[in-house]
Every structure is written in structure tokens, then in C-alpha cells.
N, C-alpha and C. Protein backbone atom coordinates (compact mmCIF):
# COMPACT_ATOMS: atom_id res chain seq x y z
N MET A 1 -29.09 25.76 22.72
CA MET A 1 -28.85 25.41 21.32
C MET A 1 -27.98 25.63 20.69
N ARG A 2 -27.37 26.57 20.83
CA ARG A 2 -25.77 27.18 20.16
C ARG A 2 -25.00 25.61 20.77
N LYS A 3 -24.54 25.06 21.78
CA LYS A 3 -23.77 24.04 21.55
C LYS A 3 -24.22 22.71 21.25
N LEU A 4 -25.64 22.68 20.70
CA LEU A 4 -26.14 21.34 20.01
C LEU A 4 -25.86 22.09 18.67
N SER A 5 -26.10 22.97 18.39
CA SER A 5 -25.29 23.44 17.07
C SER A 5 -24.06 22.71 16.76
N LEU A 6 -23.20 23.15 17.61
CA LEU A 6 -21.77 22.86 17.08
C LEU A 6 -21.58 21.75 17.59
N SER A 7 -21.97 21.06 18.57
CA SER A 7 -21.94 19.38 18.30
C SER A 7 -21.60 18.77 17.26
N PHE A 8 -23.67 19.30 16.31
CA PHE A 8 -24.03 18.79 14.97
C PHE A 8 -22.94 18.85 14.08
N VAL A 9 -22.21 20.15 14.11
CA VAL A 9 -21.24 20.57 13.01
C VAL A 9 -20.19 19.26 13.27
N LEU A 10 -19.71 19.64 14.53
CA LEU A 10 -18.61 18.72 14.15
C LEU A 10 -18.83 17.25 14.08
N LEU A 11 -19.90 16.88 14.58
CA LEU A 11 -20.35 15.31 14.21
C LEU A 11 -20.37 15.25 12.40
N PHE A 12 -21.16 15.92 11.78
CA PHE A 12 -20.70 16.21 10.73
C PHE A 12 -19.98 15.95 9.96
N LEU A 13 -18.66 16.76 10.33
CA LEU A 13 -17.45 16.86 9.77
C LEU A 13 -17.10 15.78 9.86
N ALA A 14 -16.83 15.20 11.41
CA ALA A 14 -16.19 13.77 11.54
C ALA A 14 -16.44 12.86 10.67
N ALA A 15 -18.19 12.69 10.47
CA ALA A 15 -18.46 11.70 9.22
C ALA A 15 -17.82 12.18 8.02
N THR A 16 -18.27 13.71 7.88
CA THR A 16 -17.63 13.43 6.04
C THR A 16 -16.25 13.30 6.02
N ILE A 17 -15.31 13.23 6.89
CA ILE A 17 -14.05 12.79 7.10
C ILE A 17 -13.66 11.43 7.15
N GLN A 18 -14.18 10.93 7.63
CA GLN A 18 -13.94 9.58 8.23
C GLN A 18 -15.00 8.64 6.07
N ALA A 19 -16.20 9.08 5.35
CA ALA A 19 -16.63 8.91 4.56
C ALA A 19 -15.31 8.59 3.51
N GLN A 20 -14.67 9.55 3.63
CA GLN A 20 -13.56 9.67 2.65
C GLN A 20 -12.31 8.44 2.40
N ASP A 21 -12.10 7.53 3.79
CA ASP A 21 -11.41 6.91 4.22
C ASP A 21 -12.20 5.66 2.80
N ILE A 22 -11.64 4.48 3.41
CA ILE A 22 -11.82 3.00 1.86
C ILE A 22 -11.84 1.79 3.76
N ASN A 23 -13.27 1.21 3.76
CA ASN A 23 -12.87 0.37 4.52
C ASN A 23 -12.85 -0.91 4.04
N LEU A 24 -11.65 -1.51 3.66
CA LEU A 24 -11.21 -2.65 2.98
C LEU A 24 -12.11 -3.78 3.81
N LEU A 25 -12.27 -4.59 2.68
CA LEU A 25 -13.37 -5.84 3.02
C LEU A 25 -11.96 -6.93 3.52
N PRO A 26 -12.46 -8.11 4.43
CA PRO A 26 -12.00 -8.95 4.77
C PRO A 26 -10.92 -9.83 4.14
N PRO A 27 -9.88 -9.84 4.57
CA PRO A 27 -8.99 -10.58 3.23
C PRO A 27 -9.51 -12.32 3.33
N GLU A 28 -9.53 -12.91 1.49
CA GLU A 28 -9.74 -13.84 1.95
C GLU A 28 -8.60 -14.48 1.75
N LYS A 29 -8.57 -15.52 2.69
CA LYS A 29 -7.60 -16.66 3.10
C LYS A 29 -7.73 -17.50 2.06
N THR A 30 -8.04 -18.17 1.68
CA THR A 30 -7.84 -19.80 1.02
C THR A 30 -8.19 -19.23 -0.53
N GLY A 31 -7.45 -20.31 -1.63
CA GLY A 31 -7.81 -20.38 -2.75
C GLY A 31 -6.07 -19.71 -3.00
N GLY A 32 -6.19 -18.98 -4.82
CA GLY A 32 -5.23 -18.69 -5.69
C GLY A 32 -4.15 -19.81 -5.71
N LYS A 33 -3.29 -19.61 -6.88
CA LYS A 33 -2.40 -20.72 -7.27
C LYS A 33 -2.19 -21.35 -6.47
N PRO A 34 -1.44 -23.08 -6.59
CA PRO A 34 -0.93 -23.93 -5.61
C PRO A 34 0.64 -23.02 -5.73
N PHE A 35 1.30 -22.95 -4.55
CA PHE A 35 2.31 -22.76 -4.18
C PHE A 35 3.73 -22.64 -5.64
N PHE A 36 4.15 -23.75 -5.88
CA PHE A 36 5.11 -24.22 -6.31
C PHE A 36 4.59 -23.22 -8.23
N GLU A 37 3.50 -23.30 -8.48
CA GLU A 37 3.09 -22.99 -9.21
C GLU A 37 2.97 -21.52 -9.45
N THR A 38 2.77 -20.97 -8.19
CA THR A 38 2.94 -19.39 -8.14
C THR A 38 4.61 -18.95 -8.42
N VAL A 39 5.29 -19.79 -7.69
CA VAL A 39 7.06 -19.42 -8.08
C VAL A 39 7.51 -19.22 -9.07
N SER A 40 6.57 -20.72 -9.42
CA SER A 40 6.98 -20.79 -11.13
C SER A 40 7.13 -19.25 -12.00
N GLU A 41 5.92 -18.70 -12.04
CA GLU A 41 5.47 -17.49 -12.42
C GLU A 41 5.51 -16.05 -11.91
N ARG A 42 6.76 -16.13 -11.06
CA ARG A 42 6.88 -14.84 -10.42
C ARG A 42 7.84 -13.97 -11.38
N ARG A 43 7.60 -13.06 -11.50
CA ARG A 43 8.52 -12.22 -12.83
C ARG A 43 8.09 -10.69 -12.62
N SER A 44 8.85 -9.76 -13.23
CA SER A 44 8.47 -8.43 -13.28
C SER A 44 7.36 -7.62 -14.54
N GLU A 45 6.55 -7.46 -14.46
CA GLU A 45 6.31 -6.68 -15.67
C GLU A 45 5.82 -5.11 -15.33
N ARG A 46 6.31 -4.18 -16.94
CA ARG A 46 5.75 -3.14 -16.49
C ARG A 46 5.10 -2.60 -17.36
N THR A 47 3.93 -3.29 -18.43
CA THR A 47 3.14 -2.52 -19.16
C THR A 47 1.80 -3.46 -18.66
N PHE A 48 0.91 -1.93 -18.29
CA PHE A 48 -0.16 -2.87 -18.09
C PHE A 48 -1.12 -2.20 -18.94
N VAL A 49 -2.53 -3.11 -18.33
CA VAL A 49 -3.68 -2.14 -19.13
C VAL A 49 -4.48 -1.45 -18.30
N LYS A 50 -4.65 -0.85 -18.41
CA LYS A 50 -5.73 0.46 -17.19
C LYS A 50 -6.96 -0.20 -17.06
N ARG A 51 -7.06 -0.15 -15.86
CA ARG A 51 -8.06 -1.03 -15.27
C ARG A 51 -8.35 -0.92 -13.92
N GLU A 52 -9.50 -0.32 -13.18
CA GLU A 52 -9.73 -0.75 -12.18
C GLU A 52 -9.59 -1.67 -11.39
N MET A 53 -9.06 -1.72 -9.71
CA MET A 53 -8.58 -2.77 -9.23
C MET A 53 -10.00 -2.82 -8.30
N PRO A 54 -10.36 -4.06 -8.49
CA PRO A 54 -11.83 -4.13 -7.09
C PRO A 54 -11.17 -4.28 -5.64
N LEU A 55 -12.58 -3.70 -5.10
CA LEU A 55 -11.68 -3.38 -3.03
C LEU A 55 -11.85 -4.95 -3.00
N GLN A 56 -12.05 -5.79 -3.01
CA GLN A 56 -11.71 -7.31 -2.41
C GLN A 56 -10.58 -7.46 -2.99
N THR A 57 -10.00 -7.10 -4.48
CA THR A 57 -8.23 -7.80 -4.48
C THR A 57 -7.55 -7.23 -3.53
N LEU A 58 -7.74 -5.60 -3.95
CA LEU A 58 -6.83 -4.36 -2.74
C LEU A 58 -7.06 -4.80 -1.80
N SER A 59 -7.80 -5.76 -1.13
CA SER A 59 -8.03 -5.65 0.05
C SER A 59 -6.96 -6.80 0.38
N ASN A 60 -7.21 -7.63 -0.39
CA ASN A 60 -6.42 -8.94 -0.21
C ASN A 60 -4.77 -8.48 -0.71
N LEU A 61 -4.62 -7.89 -1.58
CA LEU A 61 -2.72 -7.27 -1.68
C LEU A 61 -2.38 -6.62 -0.42
N LEU A 62 -2.83 -6.15 -0.11
CA LEU A 62 -2.14 -5.03 1.06
C LEU A 62 -2.09 -6.24 2.29
N TRP A 63 -3.21 -6.93 2.57
CA TRP A 63 -3.32 -7.96 3.78
C TRP A 63 -2.24 -9.16 3.57
N VAL A 64 -1.64 -9.34 2.36
CA VAL A 64 -0.83 -10.46 2.13
C VAL A 64 0.87 -9.70 2.30
N ALA A 65 0.83 -8.26 1.66
CA ALA A 65 1.93 -7.68 1.19
C ALA A 65 2.27 -7.13 3.04
N ASN A 66 1.23 -6.66 4.05
CA ASN A 66 2.03 -6.30 5.32
C ASN A 66 0.97 -6.13 6.06
N GLY A 67 -0.24 -7.11 5.91
CA GLY A 67 -0.98 -7.17 7.12
C GLY A 67 -0.94 -8.34 8.20
N PHE A 68 -1.70 -7.69 9.17
CA PHE A 68 -1.32 -9.05 10.24
C PHE A 68 -2.46 -10.36 10.26
N ASN A 69 -1.55 -10.84 10.54
CA ASN A 69 -1.76 -12.88 10.37
C ASN A 69 -2.06 -12.95 11.92
N ARG A 70 -1.72 -12.71 12.73
CA ARG A 70 -1.95 -12.78 14.05
C ARG A 70 -2.27 -11.93 15.10
N PRO A 71 -2.48 -11.58 16.13
CA PRO A 71 -2.73 -10.18 16.83
C PRO A 71 -1.96 -9.42 17.08
N ASP A 72 -0.30 -10.01 16.40
CA ASP A 72 0.77 -8.97 17.13
C ASP A 72 1.72 -8.97 15.90
N LYS A 73 1.13 -9.57 14.70
CA LYS A 73 2.65 -9.96 13.88
C LYS A 73 2.18 -9.96 12.60
N ARG A 74 2.99 -9.56 11.79
CA ARG A 74 2.29 -9.49 10.16
C ARG A 74 2.95 -10.41 9.46
N THR A 75 2.55 -10.55 8.22
CA THR A 75 2.70 -11.41 7.31
C THR A 75 3.85 -11.08 6.22
N ALA A 76 4.26 -10.01 6.78
CA ALA A 76 5.96 -10.14 6.43
C ALA A 76 6.69 -9.74 8.00
N PRO A 77 8.15 -10.14 8.12
CA PRO A 77 8.71 -9.89 9.33
C PRO A 77 9.64 -9.06 9.36
N THR A 78 9.72 -8.38 10.55
CA THR A 78 10.51 -7.76 10.95
C THR A 78 11.83 -8.02 11.87
N GLY A 79 12.76 -7.44 11.82
CA GLY A 79 14.00 -7.99 12.93
C GLY A 79 13.16 -7.40 14.77
N MET A 80 12.88 -8.76 15.15
CA MET A 80 12.82 -8.29 17.00
C MET A 80 10.97 -7.54 16.84
N ASN A 81 10.28 -7.90 15.79
CA ASN A 81 9.37 -7.67 15.18
C ASN A 81 8.93 -6.03 15.56
N ARG A 82 10.08 -5.51 15.14
CA ARG A 82 9.94 -3.92 15.78
C ARG A 82 8.70 -3.23 14.62
N GLN A 83 8.71 -3.88 13.26
CA GLN A 83 7.37 -3.23 12.37
C GLN A 83 7.53 -1.76 12.05
N GLU A 84 8.59 -1.78 11.86
CA GLU A 84 9.29 -0.25 11.06
C GLU A 84 8.69 0.02 9.93
N MET A 85 7.92 -0.78 9.16
CA MET A 85 7.50 -0.67 7.64
C MET A 85 5.86 -0.23 7.51
N GLU A 86 5.30 0.71 7.16
CA GLU A 86 4.31 0.82 7.02
C GLU A 86 4.25 0.97 5.36
N LEU A 87 2.89 0.84 5.15
CA LEU A 87 2.25 1.01 3.38
C LEU A 87 1.53 2.34 3.18
N TYR A 88 1.54 2.65 2.07
CA TYR A 88 0.93 3.69 1.36
C TYR A 88 0.51 3.23 0.35
N VAL A 89 -0.64 3.98 -0.02
CA VAL A 89 -0.92 3.56 -1.66
C VAL A 89 -1.49 4.90 -2.66
N VAL A 90 -0.89 4.68 -4.04
CA VAL A 90 -0.85 6.11 -4.21
C VAL A 90 -2.13 5.41 -5.73
N CYS A 91 -3.14 6.09 -6.01
CA CYS A 91 -3.95 5.51 -6.96
C CYS A 91 -4.09 6.96 -8.32
N ASP A 92 -5.64 6.55 -8.83
CA ASP A 92 -6.02 7.79 -9.04
C ASP A 92 -6.35 8.97 -9.00
N THR A 93 -7.29 8.53 -7.69
CA THR A 93 -8.08 9.68 -7.45
C THR A 93 -7.12 10.17 -5.96
N GLY A 94 -5.82 9.85 -5.28
CA GLY A 94 -5.20 10.00 -4.35
C GLY A 94 -4.25 9.34 -3.43
N VAL A 95 -4.04 9.52 -2.37
CA VAL A 95 -2.77 8.51 -1.94
C VAL A 95 -3.16 8.43 -0.47
N TYR A 96 -3.26 7.34 0.03
CA TYR A 96 -3.83 6.72 1.44
C TYR A 96 -2.66 5.85 2.75
N PHE A 97 -2.76 6.14 3.67
CA PHE A 97 -1.74 4.80 4.00
C PHE A 97 -3.20 3.50 4.70
N TYR A 98 -1.91 2.98 4.62
CA TYR A 98 -2.90 1.49 4.65
C TYR A 98 -2.30 0.81 6.40
N ASP A 99 -3.62 1.42 7.49
CA ASP A 99 -3.98 1.17 8.67
C ASP A 99 -3.76 -0.63 8.83
N ALA A 100 -3.15 -1.27 9.07
CA ALA A 100 -2.91 -1.87 8.62
C ALA A 100 -3.88 -3.12 10.20
N GLN A 101 -3.71 -2.64 11.56
CA GLN A 101 -4.08 -3.37 12.95
C GLN A 101 -5.59 -2.86 12.58
N GLN A 102 -6.43 -1.79 11.26
CA GLN A 102 -8.00 -1.89 11.12
C GLN A 102 -8.14 -2.17 9.96
N HIS A 103 -7.35 -2.70 9.17
CA HIS A 103 -7.62 -3.06 8.08
C HIS A 103 -7.81 -2.20 6.92
N LEU A 104 -8.20 -0.81 6.53
CA LEU A 104 -8.14 0.37 6.73
C LEU A 104 -7.51 1.28 5.97
N LEU A 105 -7.99 2.06 4.59
CA LEU A 105 -7.11 3.10 3.50
C LEU A 105 -7.51 4.15 4.12
N LYS A 106 -6.87 4.90 5.10
CA LYS A 106 -6.60 5.99 5.58
C LYS A 106 -6.56 7.26 4.77
N LEU A 107 -7.64 7.76 3.83
CA LEU A 107 -7.46 8.98 2.72
C LEU A 107 -6.12 10.08 3.64
N ILE A 108 -4.56 10.37 3.16
CA ILE A 108 -4.78 11.68 3.16
C ILE A 108 -4.69 12.60 2.32
N ALA A 109 -5.07 12.63 0.81
CA ALA A 109 -5.22 13.84 0.06
C ALA A 109 -5.58 13.14 -0.97
N HIS A 110 -6.44 14.02 -1.36
CA HIS A 110 -7.32 13.66 -2.64
C HIS A 110 -6.22 14.36 -4.23
N GLY A 111 -6.60 13.71 -5.04
CA GLY A 111 -5.80 14.64 -6.29
C GLY A 111 -5.06 13.23 -7.00
N ASP A 112 -3.76 13.60 -7.91
CA ASP A 112 -2.95 12.80 -8.65
C ASP A 112 -1.96 13.38 -8.43
N PHE A 113 -1.22 12.32 -7.61
CA PHE A 113 0.21 12.21 -6.67
C PHE A 113 1.06 11.30 -8.07
N LYS A 114 0.53 10.65 -9.03
CA LYS A 114 1.62 9.69 -10.15
C LYS A 114 3.24 10.13 -10.37
N ALA A 115 3.05 11.68 -10.50
CA ALA A 115 4.56 12.60 -10.92
C ALA A 115 5.42 12.23 -9.65
N ALA A 116 4.74 11.82 -9.02
CA ALA A 116 5.79 11.87 -7.79
C ALA A 116 6.47 10.62 -7.42
N LEU A 117 5.82 9.30 -8.31
CA LEU A 117 6.40 8.02 -8.70
C LEU A 117 7.09 8.33 -9.85
N GLY A 118 7.45 8.94 -10.34
CA GLY A 118 8.17 8.29 -11.76
C GLY A 118 8.09 7.58 -12.47
N GLN A 119 8.54 7.37 -13.40
CA GLN A 119 8.90 6.65 -14.90
C GLN A 119 7.06 6.58 -15.38
N PRO A 120 6.25 7.24 -15.57
CA PRO A 120 4.75 7.58 -15.98
C PRO A 120 4.71 6.55 -17.39
N GLN A 121 5.73 6.03 -17.89
CA GLN A 121 5.30 4.65 -18.45
C GLN A 121 4.95 3.53 -17.69
N ILE A 122 5.52 3.67 -16.45
CA ILE A 122 4.97 2.22 -15.86
C ILE A 122 3.45 2.56 -14.98
N ASN A 123 3.84 3.64 -14.02
CA ASN A 123 2.70 3.98 -13.31
C ASN A 123 1.37 4.11 -13.23
N SER A 124 1.57 4.93 -14.68
CA SER A 124 -0.02 5.89 -15.19
C SER A 124 -0.52 4.52 -15.48
N SER A 125 -0.55 3.35 -15.92
CA SER A 125 -1.18 2.53 -16.44
C SER A 125 -1.86 1.52 -15.09
N ALA A 126 -1.14 1.75 -14.06
CA ALA A 126 -0.85 0.50 -13.35
C ALA A 126 -2.58 0.99 -12.06
N ALA A 127 -2.59 -0.11 -12.15
CA ALA A 127 -4.22 0.03 -10.84
C ALA A 127 -4.00 0.77 -9.63
N VAL A 128 -2.79 0.55 -8.96
CA VAL A 128 -2.20 0.77 -7.57
C VAL A 128 -0.90 1.25 -7.65
N SER A 129 -0.78 1.55 -7.23
CA SER A 129 1.13 1.80 -6.86
C SER A 129 1.48 1.50 -5.21
N VAL A 130 1.81 0.84 -4.42
CA VAL A 130 2.38 0.14 -2.76
C VAL A 130 3.72 0.76 -3.12
N VAL A 131 3.37 2.10 -1.54
CA VAL A 131 4.86 2.53 -1.76
C VAL A 131 5.25 2.34 -0.04
N MET A 132 6.52 1.41 -0.06
CA MET A 132 6.95 1.21 1.38
C MET A 132 7.85 1.97 1.99
N VAL A 133 6.97 2.48 3.43
CA VAL A 133 7.79 3.43 4.40
C VAL A 133 8.60 2.96 5.25
N ALA A 134 10.12 3.50 5.82
CA ALA A 134 10.47 2.90 6.84
C ALA A 134 10.30 3.97 8.20
N ASP A 135 9.88 3.45 9.28
CA ASP A 135 9.86 4.35 10.51
C ASP A 135 11.52 4.04 11.01
N SER A 136 12.73 5.35 11.44
CA SER A 136 13.53 4.89 11.56
C SER A 136 13.56 4.86 13.30
N ASP A 137 12.88 5.69 13.93
CA ASP A 137 12.38 5.42 15.16
C ASP A 137 12.28 4.30 15.55
N LYS A 138 12.04 3.32 15.29
CA LYS A 138 11.25 1.89 15.17
C LYS A 138 12.76 1.17 14.95
N SER A 139 13.43 0.84 13.94
CA SER A 139 14.41 0.39 13.68
C SER A 139 15.43 0.89 13.06
N SER A 140 16.57 0.28 12.27
CA SER A 140 17.40 0.97 11.66
C SER A 140 17.17 0.71 10.05
N ILE A 141 17.76 1.88 9.15
CA ILE A 141 17.53 1.56 7.75
C ILE A 141 18.39 0.46 7.29
N GLU A 142 19.11 -0.09 7.89
CA GLU A 142 19.40 -1.50 7.06
C GLU A 142 18.57 -2.52 7.58
N ASN A 143 17.82 -2.59 8.46
CA ASN A 143 16.73 -3.88 8.92
C ASN A 143 15.71 -3.17 7.94
N ALA A 144 15.35 -2.30 7.97
CA ALA A 144 14.15 -1.46 6.72
C ALA A 144 14.14 -2.07 5.28
N ARG A 145 15.62 -2.46 5.11
CA ARG A 145 15.77 -2.55 3.68
C ARG A 145 15.45 -4.12 3.71
N ILE A 146 16.40 -4.83 4.52
CA ILE A 146 15.34 -6.35 4.45
C ILE A 146 13.87 -6.35 4.29
N SER A 147 13.18 -5.89 5.62
CA SER A 147 11.94 -5.86 5.58
C SER A 147 11.01 -5.61 4.32
N THR A 148 11.72 -4.00 3.77
CA THR A 148 11.30 -4.30 2.44
C THR A 148 11.11 -5.02 1.37
N GLY A 149 12.45 -6.08 1.54
CA GLY A 149 12.39 -7.15 0.46
C GLY A 149 11.31 -8.45 0.73
N TYR A 150 10.81 -8.76 2.10
CA TYR A 150 10.18 -9.58 2.51
C TYR A 150 8.54 -8.84 2.15
N ILE A 151 8.13 -7.87 2.18
CA ILE A 151 6.98 -7.20 1.96
C ILE A 151 6.65 -6.72 0.13
N SER A 152 7.98 -7.13 -0.68
CA SER A 152 8.32 -6.76 -1.96
C SER A 152 7.44 -8.31 -2.50
N GLN A 153 8.63 -9.24 -1.62
CA GLN A 153 8.17 -10.54 -2.18
C GLN A 153 6.39 -11.09 -2.25
N ASN A 154 6.37 -10.46 -0.93
CA ASN A 154 5.05 -10.97 -0.90
C ASN A 154 3.40 -10.64 -1.98
N ILE A 155 4.36 -9.11 -2.43
CA ILE A 155 3.39 -8.64 -3.28
C ILE A 155 3.61 -9.35 -5.02
N TYR A 156 5.28 -9.39 -5.34
CA TYR A 156 5.47 -10.78 -6.07
C TYR A 156 4.66 -12.26 -6.48
N LEU A 157 3.91 -12.36 -5.25
CA LEU A 157 3.74 -14.03 -5.49
C LEU A 157 2.15 -13.48 -5.34
N PHE A 158 1.77 -12.59 -4.29
CA PHE A 158 -0.10 -12.21 -4.80
C PHE A 158 0.01 -12.07 -6.11
N ALA A 159 0.85 -10.75 -6.84
CA ALA A 159 0.56 -11.21 -7.83
C ALA A 159 0.28 -12.18 -9.38
N ALA A 160 1.20 -13.09 -9.11
CA ALA A 160 1.40 -13.95 -9.82
C ALA A 160 0.78 -14.78 -9.41
N SER A 161 -0.27 -15.11 -8.43
CA SER A 161 -0.95 -15.97 -8.17
C SER A 161 -2.16 -15.09 -8.56
N GLU A 162 -2.68 -14.26 -8.70
CA GLU A 162 -3.71 -13.66 -9.28
C GLU A 162 -3.69 -13.04 -10.59
N ASP A 163 -2.36 -13.57 -11.24
CA ASP A 163 -2.56 -13.28 -12.71
C ASP A 163 -2.26 -11.22 -13.00
N LEU A 164 -1.81 -10.92 -12.27
CA LEU A 164 -1.32 -9.44 -12.09
C LEU A 164 -0.46 -9.23 -12.36
N GLY A 165 0.60 -8.26 -12.45
CA GLY A 165 1.91 -7.83 -12.96
C GLY A 165 2.00 -7.25 -11.81
N THR A 166 3.46 -6.65 -11.55
CA THR A 166 4.20 -5.89 -10.45
C THR A 166 5.23 -5.80 -10.94
N VAL A 167 6.30 -4.68 -10.36
CA VAL A 167 7.30 -4.98 -10.30
C VAL A 167 8.60 -3.57 -9.91
N ALA A 168 9.21 -4.16 -8.92
CA ALA A 168 9.73 -2.92 -7.82
C ALA A 168 10.66 -2.34 -8.67
N ARG A 169 10.49 -0.71 -7.76
CA ARG A 169 11.31 0.38 -8.46
C ARG A 169 11.51 0.83 -7.54
N GLY A 170 12.74 1.35 -7.44
CA GLY A 170 14.25 2.30 -6.51
C GLY A 170 14.08 3.46 -7.40
N SER A 171 13.40 4.19 -8.61
CA SER A 171 13.57 5.01 -8.94
C SER A 171 12.24 5.91 -8.96
N PHE A 172 12.51 6.90 -8.39
CA PHE A 172 11.39 8.08 -7.98
C PHE A 172 11.54 9.34 -7.12
N ASN A 173 10.88 10.06 -7.33
CA ASN A 173 11.15 11.47 -6.84
C ASN A 173 10.96 11.33 -5.13
N ARG A 174 12.02 11.51 -4.32
CA ARG A 174 11.72 10.91 -3.12
C ARG A 174 11.22 12.49 -2.23
N ASP A 175 11.93 13.12 -3.02
CA ASP A 175 11.35 14.53 -2.00
C ASP A 175 9.29 14.80 -2.11
N GLU A 176 9.28 14.35 -3.62
CA GLU A 176 8.03 15.41 -3.87
C GLU A 176 7.48 14.12 -3.07
N LEU A 177 7.44 12.99 -3.34
CA LEU A 177 6.37 11.59 -2.79
C LEU A 177 6.53 11.46 -1.47
N SER A 178 7.63 12.03 -0.86
CA SER A 178 7.52 12.43 0.82
C SER A 178 6.62 13.13 0.92
N LYS A 179 6.68 14.56 0.20
CA LYS A 179 5.67 15.65 0.22
C LYS A 179 4.25 15.02 0.17
N ALA A 180 4.07 14.10 -1.21
CA ALA A 180 2.73 13.91 -1.10
C ALA A 180 1.94 12.89 -0.25
N LEU A 181 2.92 11.59 0.51
CA LEU A 181 2.58 11.47 1.51
C LEU A 181 2.44 11.77 2.94
N GLN A 182 3.35 13.04 3.01
CA GLN A 182 2.68 13.57 4.02
C GLN A 182 3.49 12.98 5.39
N LEU A 183 4.78 12.63 4.99
CA LEU A 183 6.18 11.86 5.83
C LEU A 183 6.50 12.88 6.79
N LYS A 184 6.59 12.19 7.80
CA LYS A 184 7.56 12.57 9.13
C LYS A 184 8.93 12.63 8.69
N SER A 185 10.32 13.56 9.45
CA SER A 185 11.13 13.49 9.31
C SER A 185 11.88 12.17 9.57
N ASN A 186 11.49 11.42 10.19
CA ASN A 186 11.80 9.92 10.60
C ASN A 186 11.05 8.94 9.46
N GLN A 187 10.71 9.28 8.88
CA GLN A 187 9.84 8.58 7.66
C GLN A 187 10.96 8.44 6.41
N THR A 188 11.00 7.16 5.88
CA THR A 188 11.86 6.97 4.44
C THR A 188 11.02 6.40 3.42
N VAL A 189 10.70 6.90 2.31
CA VAL A 189 10.26 6.33 0.89
C VAL A 189 11.21 4.68 0.77
N MET A 190 11.23 3.95 1.00
CA MET A 190 12.25 2.55 0.59
C MET A 190 12.00 2.25 -0.96
N LEU A 191 10.76 1.92 -1.20
CA LEU A 191 10.36 1.38 -2.84
C LEU A 191 9.11 1.70 -3.05
N VAL A 192 8.90 1.89 -4.39
CA VAL A 192 7.94 1.67 -5.17
C VAL A 192 7.21 0.58 -6.04
N GLN A 193 6.29 0.09 -5.78
CA GLN A 193 6.18 -1.39 -6.42
C GLN A 193 4.30 -1.11 -6.83
N PRO A 194 4.71 -0.82 -8.39
CA PRO A 194 2.82 -0.69 -9.00
C PRO A 194 2.29 -2.48 -8.97
N VAL A 195 1.12 -2.56 -9.23
CA VAL A 195 0.46 -3.55 -9.50
C VAL A 195 -0.81 -3.17 -10.34
N GLY A 196 -0.59 -4.12 -11.39
CA GLY A 196 -1.70 -3.91 -12.44
C GLY A 196 -2.08 -5.29 -12.97
N TYR A 197 -2.73 -4.69 -14.29
CA TYR A 197 -3.53 -5.83 -14.94
C TYR A 197 -2.59 -5.93 -16.37
N LEU A 198 -2.16 -7.20 -16.50
CA LEU A 198 -2.07 -7.65 -17.88
C LEU A 198 -2.72 -7.34 -19.17
N LYS A 199 -1.64 -7.38 -20.17
CA LYS A 199 -2.39 -7.12 -21.79
C LYS A 199 -2.84 -8.73 -21.92
């Protein structure tokens, strides 16, 4: 009976933790603006209207940014397919890791961590901020800088196609943000990119 009770408690705790994750919707791979129209509208925006991003839009955004579009390859290229880049999401309620293989947001911590992003006049009104993180065990920081550019441009083009605003930002509190994301010593924050709705 005691073993049964312990098993039930462990099962309940596991279910509770899992419930804090966000199951993303399958990405919509059709639609959007024509390519040349999207490129012509690509720009940096720093002023957003505070508005929650629908789950489908968030799902599409993360998949476009650095999801898997083939069993072992992503929408953003990396040298020798090292896949040294991972994405984290900072929103009003907490910070999450984007598990691209499972297309799932894994909760890291509840709370408001936007102060670590810096420039509150930009990030406080963004729907989400995407944080690009490099793993130096997989590739060099030099290669990671190139990969970061690919991911950032994917986000820019997605935003232009969806009438959203975004801006790539290299100014943030690296130590605070690394702590908020619970990064390991081999992980480095490369870029922060808020995405939000326009006035």
C-alpha cells in the first residue's frame, strides 16, 4: 500500500510538471505573403502594442525560426549540421526552452524575467522575446554567429509575412539572462529578438 501511495505521488508530480510545459500546435506550412512582398516589408520595429500572441502564431514563429523541416535538419542551416543553436522564449509568465524536435516549450521558471533582456521600452510591450543560445561544445562561437544571423532573418521574414514587428538586439544583461535561462557554462546568449504587434 505504501509503495502504491508513493507511486501515485510521483505520478501526480510528474503530471503537474508536464502540465506547465506548452504543447505547441503543428506549424502551418502554407499561406503567408508572397516572398518578394515579404522581403520588401522586412524591417526593424521597436514599438509594439501589448497583446498576447495566439498559440498558433507562436508555434509557427518558433518552427520558422529554428524548427525541424526534415527528420534531422532545421529551417536555419548550421555548418556541417552541428545544430549548435537553441531557442528560449521569455514572456510575461516565465521562461521556456524550445524543444524543436518535440515542437514543445519546456518551462524553465515561472515569473517575470524581462528585466534581464534590457531595454524595457522595447521588451515590456513585446508579445514574446526569442533568445538565441549557442552551445560551444557543438561548434565554435564564430560559426554560431553566422547561424544566429540565419535564425534572426527567419524571424524577420516571418514577422513581415504576418504583419508583426521585430528587432534584433545585442544589448542585454548577459549574466542575468544566462541565470534566468539556467544556462550551462558551455552555453552563450548570442542575440535577443522581441516579436510583437504593431500600432
